[in-house]
Structures are given as structure tokens and as C-alpha cells.
Protein backbone atom coordinates (compact mmCIF):
# COMPACT_ATOMS: atom_id res chain seq x y z
CA MET A 1 5.00 5.16 -21.94
CA ASP A 2 5.67 1.40 -22.06
CA LEU A 3 3.83 0.21 -18.92
CA PRO A 4 4.48 -3.13 -17.24
CA GLY A 5 1.90 -5.89 -17.67
CA ILE A 6 0.84 -9.22 -16.18
CA ASN A 7 3.87 -11.11 -17.52
CA ASP A 8 6.05 -8.74 -15.47
CA VAL A 9 3.98 -9.37 -12.35
CA ILE A 10 4.26 -13.17 -12.91
CA LYS A 11 8.08 -12.81 -13.22
CA ALA A 12 8.10 -10.74 -10.01
CA GLU A 13 6.24 -13.53 -8.21
CA GLU A 14 8.78 -16.09 -9.43
CA ARG A 15 11.59 -13.93 -8.08
CA ILE A 16 10.15 -13.26 -4.65
CA TYR A 17 7.92 -16.19 -3.58
CA LYS A 18 10.65 -18.12 -1.73
CA ASN A 19 11.72 -15.08 0.32
CA ILE A 20 8.42 -13.49 1.32
CA SER A 21 5.30 -14.74 3.06
CA LYS A 22 2.24 -15.91 1.20
CA THR A 23 -0.21 -14.03 3.32
CA PRO A 24 -3.63 -15.49 4.19
CA ILE A 25 -7.02 -14.40 2.93
CA VAL A 26 -9.30 -13.77 5.89
CA SER A 27 -12.91 -12.80 6.38
CA SER A 28 -15.41 -12.07 9.13
CA SER A 29 -18.71 -13.97 9.10
CA LEU A 30 -20.15 -11.29 11.35
CA LEU A 31 -19.23 -8.45 9.03
CA ASN A 32 -20.56 -10.41 6.03
CA SER A 33 -23.87 -11.01 7.76
CA TRP A 34 -24.16 -7.37 8.83
CA LEU A 35 -23.46 -6.06 5.32
CA GLY A 36 -24.97 -8.88 3.27
CA HIS A 37 -21.94 -9.37 1.08
CA LYS A 38 -18.90 -11.70 0.90
CA ILE A 39 -15.90 -9.62 1.84
CA PHE A 40 -12.38 -11.13 1.76
CA PHE A 41 -9.19 -9.50 2.97
CA LYS A 42 -5.60 -10.12 1.77
CA ALA A 43 -3.79 -9.78 5.08
CA GLU A 44 -0.54 -8.04 4.11
CA CYS A 45 -0.26 -6.91 7.75
CA LEU A 46 1.11 -10.47 8.25
CA GLN A 47 3.78 -9.94 5.52
CA LYS A 48 7.48 -9.71 6.34
CA ILE A 49 8.17 -6.24 7.84
CA GLY A 50 4.41 -6.04 8.41
CA ALA A 51 3.42 -4.57 5.05
CA PHE A 52 3.06 -5.22 1.32
CA LYS A 53 6.02 -2.91 0.56
CA VAL A 54 8.52 -5.75 0.94
CA ARG A 55 7.16 -7.28 -2.29
CA GLY A 56 8.18 -4.37 -4.44
CA ALA A 57 11.46 -3.69 -2.67
CA PHE A 58 12.66 -7.32 -2.83
CA ASN A 59 11.54 -7.77 -6.47
CA THR A 60 13.52 -4.67 -7.50
CA VAL A 61 16.73 -5.88 -5.78
CA ALA A 62 16.28 -9.38 -7.16
CA TRP A 63 15.65 -7.98 -10.64
CA LEU A 64 18.92 -5.96 -10.46
CA ILE A 65 20.85 -9.08 -9.45
CA GLU A 66 19.17 -11.11 -12.17
CA ASN A 67 20.27 -8.58 -14.79
CA ASN A 68 23.88 -8.40 -13.51
CA ARG A 69 23.33 -4.94 -12.13
CA LYS A 70 24.08 -5.55 -8.45
CA PRO A 71 24.56 -2.11 -6.88
CA GLN A 72 27.31 -1.30 -4.34
CA HIS A 73 24.82 0.75 -2.34
CA ILE A 74 21.03 1.02 -2.28
CA VAL A 75 19.26 4.25 -1.21
CA ALA A 76 15.61 5.03 -0.64
CA ASN A 77 13.32 7.75 0.75
CA SER A 78 10.40 6.87 2.95
CA SER A 79 8.56 7.78 6.15
CA GLY A 80 7.80 4.22 7.03
CA ASN A 81 7.08 0.85 5.54
CA HIS A 82 9.11 1.30 2.33
CA ALA A 83 12.11 2.24 4.48
CA GLN A 84 11.89 -1.07 6.33
CA ALA A 85 11.24 -3.01 3.13
CA VAL A 86 14.30 -1.67 1.33
CA ALA A 87 16.54 -2.16 4.33
CA TRP A 88 15.37 -5.78 4.68
CA ALA A 89 15.59 -6.54 0.92
CA ALA A 90 19.10 -5.06 0.61
CA SER A 91 20.26 -7.05 3.62
CA GLN A 92 19.16 -10.29 2.00
CA TYR A 93 21.88 -9.71 -0.64
CA ASN A 94 24.37 -8.13 1.76
CA ILE A 95 24.15 -4.78 0.06
CA PRO A 96 24.51 -1.70 2.26
CA SER A 97 21.53 0.59 2.32
CA THR A 98 20.84 4.19 3.40
CA ILE A 99 17.31 5.29 3.98
CA TYR A 100 16.39 8.96 4.08
CA MET A 101 13.48 9.54 6.38
CA PRO A 102 11.66 12.67 7.56
CA SER A 103 12.29 13.41 11.25
CA PHE A 104 8.53 13.18 11.92
CA SER A 105 8.48 9.49 10.87
CA SER A 106 7.14 6.98 13.34
CA GLU A 107 9.78 6.11 15.93
CA ILE A 108 8.98 2.44 15.68
CA LYS A 109 9.45 2.48 11.87
CA ILE A 110 12.80 4.23 12.28
CA GLN A 111 13.97 1.64 14.81
CA ALA A 112 12.74 -1.21 12.61
CA THR A 113 14.59 0.20 9.57
CA LEU A 114 17.79 0.21 11.63
CA ALA A 115 17.09 -3.32 12.90
CA TYR A 116 16.69 -4.62 9.31
CA GLY A 117 20.19 -3.36 8.54
CA GLY A 118 19.56 0.06 7.00
CA ARG A 119 21.48 3.20 7.86
CA VAL A 120 19.01 5.96 8.58
CA GLU A 121 19.46 9.64 7.72
CA LEU A 122 16.78 11.82 9.29
CA CYS A 123 15.79 15.01 7.44
CA ASP A 124 13.82 18.00 8.67
CA THR A 125 11.25 18.03 5.86
CA ARG A 126 9.90 15.73 3.13
CA VAL A 127 11.41 18.10 0.50
CA GLU A 128 14.86 17.77 2.11
CA THR A 129 14.37 13.98 2.25
CA ASP A 130 13.67 13.84 -1.47
CA GLU A 131 16.62 16.12 -2.32
CA ASN A 132 19.09 14.09 -0.22
CA VAL A 133 18.11 10.80 -1.77
CA LYS A 134 18.54 12.27 -5.26
CA GLN A 135 22.04 13.41 -4.46
CA ALA A 136 22.93 9.98 -2.92
CA ALA A 137 21.50 8.16 -5.98
CA ALA A 138 23.84 10.15 -8.25
CA GLU A 139 26.90 8.66 -6.58
CA LYS A 140 28.76 5.88 -8.40
CA GLY A 141 27.48 2.36 -7.65
CA ALA A 142 24.32 3.56 -5.97
CA PHE A 143 20.75 2.55 -6.92
CA TRP A 144 17.65 4.37 -5.78
CA ILE A 145 14.49 2.31 -5.12
CA PRO A 146 11.64 4.79 -5.06
CA PRO A 147 8.55 4.09 -2.90
CA PHE A 148 6.15 3.63 -5.82
CA ASN A 149 7.12 5.15 -9.18
CA HIS A 150 9.24 2.30 -10.59
CA GLU A 151 8.15 -0.57 -12.86
CA GLN A 152 9.64 -3.31 -10.73
CA VAL A 153 8.29 -1.88 -7.49
CA ILE A 154 4.80 -1.83 -9.10
CA CYS A 155 5.13 -5.39 -10.35
CA GLY A 156 6.25 -6.60 -6.94
CA GLN A 157 3.23 -4.90 -5.28
CA GLY A 158 0.94 -6.53 -7.87
CA THR A 159 1.85 -9.99 -6.56
CA ALA A 160 -0.39 -9.48 -3.53
CA ALA A 161 -3.56 -9.34 -5.67
CA TRP A 162 -2.17 -11.98 -8.04
CA GLU A 163 -1.73 -14.41 -5.13
CA ALA A 164 -5.20 -13.64 -3.72
CA LEU A 165 -7.12 -13.81 -6.95
CA LYS A 166 -5.41 -17.04 -8.09
CA ASP A 167 -6.70 -18.63 -4.87
CA MET A 168 -10.12 -16.98 -4.87
CA GLY A 169 -11.14 -17.13 -8.47
CA SER A 170 -13.70 -14.62 -9.58
CA VAL A 171 -14.65 -11.50 -7.63
CA GLU A 172 -16.73 -8.52 -8.62
CA ALA A 173 -14.52 -5.79 -7.21
CA VAL A 174 -11.02 -5.28 -5.76
CA PHE A 175 -10.18 -2.36 -3.39
CA ALA A 176 -6.76 -1.03 -2.34
CA PRO A 177 -5.54 2.14 -0.64
CA CYS A 178 -3.63 4.76 -2.60
CA GLY A 179 -0.57 6.70 -1.39
CA GLY A 180 1.77 7.08 -4.36
CA GLY A 181 -0.23 4.50 -6.33
CA GLY A 182 2.26 1.57 -6.50
CA LEU A 183 0.03 -1.00 -4.76
CA LEU A 184 -3.06 0.12 -6.70
CA SER A 185 -1.17 0.04 -10.01
CA GLY A 186 0.03 -3.50 -9.41
CA THR A 187 -3.42 -4.51 -8.15
CA LEU A 188 -4.97 -3.18 -11.38
CA ILE A 189 -2.58 -5.24 -13.54
CA SER A 190 -3.37 -8.44 -11.68
CA ALA A 191 -7.11 -7.90 -11.39
CA HIS A 192 -7.53 -7.03 -15.06
CA ALA A 193 -5.66 -10.25 -16.01
CA LEU A 194 -7.36 -12.68 -13.61
CA CYS A 195 -10.81 -11.08 -13.29
CA PRO A 196 -11.39 -8.95 -16.38
CA GLY A 197 -14.91 -8.04 -15.31
CA ALA A 198 -13.98 -6.89 -11.81
CA LYS A 199 -14.10 -3.29 -10.81
CA VAL A 200 -10.78 -1.97 -9.43
CA ILE A 201 -11.32 0.86 -6.96
CA GLY A 202 -8.90 3.02 -5.01
CA ALA A 203 -9.21 5.01 -1.77
CA GLU A 204 -7.16 7.80 -0.29
CA PRO A 205 -7.61 10.23 2.65
CA LEU A 206 -9.73 13.32 1.82
CA ASN A 207 -6.97 15.22 3.68
CA ALA A 208 -4.36 13.83 1.23
CA ASN A 209 -6.37 13.63 -1.97
CA ASP A 210 -3.73 14.40 -4.54
CA ALA A 211 -4.59 11.34 -6.63
CA ALA A 212 -8.30 12.25 -6.77
CA GLN A 213 -7.36 15.83 -7.66
CA SER A 214 -5.04 14.54 -10.40
CA LEU A 215 -7.72 12.27 -11.84
CA ARG A 216 -10.28 15.13 -11.90
CA THR A 217 -7.94 17.56 -13.64
CA GLY A 218 -6.24 15.04 -15.95
CA SER A 219 -2.73 15.96 -14.82
CA ILE A 220 -0.61 15.24 -11.73
CA CYS A 221 -1.42 17.60 -8.83
CA LYS A 222 0.97 18.06 -5.92
CA LEU A 223 -0.10 18.90 -2.36
CA THR A 224 1.59 21.99 -0.88
CA GLY A 225 2.52 20.56 2.46
CA ALA A 226 2.62 17.34 4.57
CA PRO A 227 -1.00 16.11 4.82
CA ASP A 228 -2.65 15.71 8.23
CA THR A 229 -4.11 12.22 8.23
CA LEU A 230 -4.25 9.08 10.37
CA ALA A 231 -3.41 7.10 7.22
CA ASP A 232 0.35 7.64 7.45
CA GLY A 233 0.94 5.15 4.61
CA ALA A 234 -0.96 7.49 2.27
CA MET A 235 0.73 10.82 3.11
CA THR A 236 2.47 11.23 -0.27
CA VAL A 237 2.18 14.68 -1.78
CA SER A 238 1.83 13.42 -5.36
CA VAL A 239 1.58 10.26 -7.46
CA GLY A 240 4.23 9.39 -10.02
CA ASP A 241 4.10 9.65 -13.80
CA ILE A 242 4.09 5.83 -14.13
CA THR A 243 1.47 5.20 -11.40
CA PHE A 244 -0.75 8.01 -12.73
CA GLU A 245 -1.14 6.18 -16.03
CA PHE A 246 -2.50 3.15 -14.10
CA LEU A 247 -4.72 5.23 -11.83
CA ARG A 248 -6.44 6.65 -14.88
CA LYS A 249 -7.73 3.17 -15.60
CA LEU A 250 -9.45 2.77 -12.27
CA ASP A 251 -13.21 2.41 -11.99
CA ASP A 252 -13.36 4.91 -9.08
CA MET A 253 -11.31 6.67 -6.45
CA TYR A 254 -12.98 7.38 -3.07
CA GLU A 255 -11.81 10.18 -0.76
CA ILE A 256 -12.17 9.08 2.87
CA GLU A 257 -12.81 11.32 5.86
CA GLU A 258 -10.65 10.88 8.97
CA VAL A 259 -13.54 9.75 11.19
CA ARG A 260 -14.21 6.82 8.84
CA ILE A 261 -10.56 5.85 8.86
CA GLN A 262 -10.68 5.74 12.65
CA TYR A 263 -14.03 3.83 12.53
CA TRP A 264 -12.85 1.05 10.28
CA THR A 265 -9.37 0.73 11.86
CA GLN A 266 -11.15 -0.09 15.08
CA TRP A 267 -13.76 -2.42 13.56
CA LEU A 268 -11.30 -4.36 11.37
CA THR A 269 -8.94 -4.82 14.32
CA HIS A 270 -11.84 -6.10 16.37
CA LEU A 271 -13.47 -8.35 13.73
CA LEU A 272 -10.37 -9.86 12.13
CA LYS A 273 -8.27 -10.02 15.30
CA LEU A 274 -5.37 -8.53 13.38
CA GLN A 275 -3.33 -5.32 13.84
CA ILE A 276 -4.55 -3.05 11.07
CA GLU A 277 -2.89 0.20 9.91
CA PRO A 278 -5.24 3.09 9.33
CA THR A 279 -4.21 3.12 5.66
CA SER A 280 -5.90 -0.29 5.28
CA ALA A 281 -9.16 1.20 6.59
CA LEU A 282 -9.27 3.49 3.51
CA ALA A 283 -10.03 0.52 1.25
CA MET A 284 -12.68 -0.78 3.66
CA GLU A 285 -14.60 2.46 3.67
CA ALA A 286 -14.38 2.65 -0.15
CA ALA A 287 -15.85 -0.89 -0.22
CA PHE A 288 -18.55 0.11 2.20
CA LYS A 289 -19.57 3.09 0.05
CA TRP A 290 -19.53 1.03 -3.11
CA LEU A 291 -21.52 -1.85 -1.57
CA ASP A 292 -24.15 0.59 -0.37
CA LYS A 293 -25.02 1.20 -4.03
CA GLN A 294 -25.34 -2.46 -5.00
CA THR A 295 -28.66 -4.25 -5.36
CA ASP A 296 -27.45 -7.84 -5.21
CA GLN A 297 -24.85 -9.76 -3.19
CA LYS A 298 -21.22 -9.15 -4.24
CA THR A 299 -17.93 -10.96 -3.60
CA ILE A 300 -15.08 -8.54 -3.11
CA LEU A 301 -11.37 -8.50 -2.23
CA ILE A 302 -9.80 -5.81 -0.06
CA ILE A 303 -6.03 -5.46 0.25
CA LEU A 304 -5.01 -4.82 3.87
CA SER A 305 -1.79 -2.95 3.25
CA GLY A 306 0.00 -3.26 6.61
CA GLY A 307 -0.03 -3.43 10.40
CA ASN A 308 2.77 -1.28 11.71
CA ILE A 309 1.40 1.03 14.41
CA ASP A 310 3.23 2.83 17.22
CA GLN A 311 1.85 3.91 20.59
CA GLU A 312 1.11 7.49 19.46
CA MET A 313 -0.91 6.33 16.50
CA ASN A 314 -2.76 3.77 18.63
CA SER A 315 -3.76 6.56 21.05
CA LYS A 316 -5.23 8.58 18.16
CA ILE A 317 -7.13 5.60 16.77
CA TRP A 318 -8.66 4.62 20.05
CA ASN A 319 -9.32 8.02 21.64
CA LYS A 320 -13.05 7.47 20.93
CA ASN A 321 -14.98 4.20 20.95
CA PHE A 322 -16.68 3.37 17.65
CA LEU A 323 -17.39 -0.28 18.45
CA THR A 324 -20.86 0.61 19.76
CA ASP A 325 -21.79 1.69 16.21
CA ILE A 326 -22.37 -1.60 14.34
CA PRO A 327 -21.65 -1.40 10.57
CA SER A 328 -24.83 -1.36 8.52
CA LEU A 329 -25.66 -0.53 4.91
CA SER A 330 -28.70 1.57 4.12
CA ASN A 331 -29.94 -1.16 1.71
CA HIS A 332 -29.37 -4.08 4.04
CA SER A 333 -31.02 -4.73 7.42
């Protein structure tokens, strides 16, 4: 398989930089003092549509236009942020879009997708969602932008780490959450190019650990049903054939328990004064586990994937107070 590389990510950045936000890098001096390391966050929760997904979606549409392949209709399948991203990206070029979403998708993400100009088709199950988008993609003039398993989607997502690492210079490790693996694949490309010595580490929910299972067995594993996890941005049932090739190059993949997702969503929201999706907390817990094994001070980058949360999710996150339990590593007092 001919995988995309850093030149493709650089081209993606050139396509999208005028249309998306260059998100800030933030940190918490309190968290750094508690853990004894320099931890920086790329705040994609402040990106257009509130998530990194807009990078991949817009890059793919812009790439089609650049190659004289402007579609008459764009279709996509997503339960959340990718839906909004594709609807927004298509609207920038006045291309109609239809997004197939499971009926259990967040109400606020459905409303946002409509507000960005997409037509939404709700489906009873994820399987039905996937089948419907395949049928729509087969129609003349249609183009399907998948959530992660596409070269241009991956390259667009890789611009988040590219932006951050160009500004930061050298780091010792980069962490990102894993759903279908698009963000992590793009992050790997950028990190290997700009910081060849840096570890690149992924994190996914233990309750939705198809990527970790796939890496252990050496072939793509598919979950049998919709996973039960707070990290709704990482509820994919399997990675793609393209993203799997990148994931195999990772230094590690951590499987995160639900209570730790809840813990870090609360703490990051509190410390950074940003709205943080539970999916972003996956990468923080992976960093916490990795830092606990280190014997000297490290400088690391964590990609905060998004900040779109509805009232129901907020209730689940805050049904117990974790802010009395101050973060502390076993090897740092």
C-alpha cells in the first residue's frame, strides 16, 4: 500500500490554512508542577466546528476541487464531529451534502450538522448507516468522504500535529486519541518528520478497544456491537486498512478505563478552562501512564481532539466529583 507522507501533509496545510483556525497550544502550570513534566495541549476544541475533523474534511474537498473533480453531491457517515465537518466543508464550496447518522447520535451534533448546511438522514443502527452511505456514494456525481480511512482525510488531520510541532520544536512524546485512527495516523506522519526521536502513542477506550485488539493479533478486528463508552468520538467498531498500517508503527496503544476518562475530562476542563470532549481525556490518561514510567523530566504534546458536548453527556461526566483527587504520579511528589 502506497501510504501518504509528510509532503502530503504539507500540501494539505497549504490547502486549508486560510479557511480553518490555527488553534493555540495551551498548558497548565499547576498540572506541570503536580506531575513534574512539561505538558502541552493542542486545543482542537477551539477549531471550527469544535473539533480537528474539519481539517480532514476540508482538505479532501479542496483536494477534489484542485484536481478538477468537484462532485455534484458529497455524502458521509458519522455519529458526530465528522458529520459537522463534512457539512461545513461542503458548504464552503456550495456543494450539497447528505450525512447519514445513527439515530442515537448526540442531538446537538445532529442540529449542528443541519446548521452547517448538511441534509441529515437518521438510521436505526450503525450498520444501516454504513450501508446507506455506500448506496448513496454509488450514485453518479457523488463523492463519499469517510471519517478516517482516506489518504486526504488522514493528511488533513496530520496538520494539527504539524502546526503544533513547528511552533514547539522538539518534544519527547506525542499523544492522540484513537477512534478509526485518522488523527493518530496523521499525527504519526508529522511527528516522525519533525521530531524523529519522539514517541507517538495512541489511546482508546477499553470498552472500544478494536485498535488494540487489532495490533495484538496483527489483523483488523471488528467489535460486534456499538461500544458503551463516554468517549463518543472513539466509538468506531474497527479501524481502516489504511489507518491500520500507520497504527502498526506506533510506540504504544493504551486502553483507558471509563473512570479515568471521566476523571481527566473533569480535570482538563477545570485546569485549562476549556470545554473538553471525553475523547480528549483518553490521550491525557495515556500520557499520565507513560509519564509514570519516566525517570527524568519530559516535554510532551497532547492533541485535544474536540469540545462538543451535549447536556446528557455533561450529566454523565459530572455525576461524581473527581476534583478532590489531585493528579499525582507515583514517582513524583
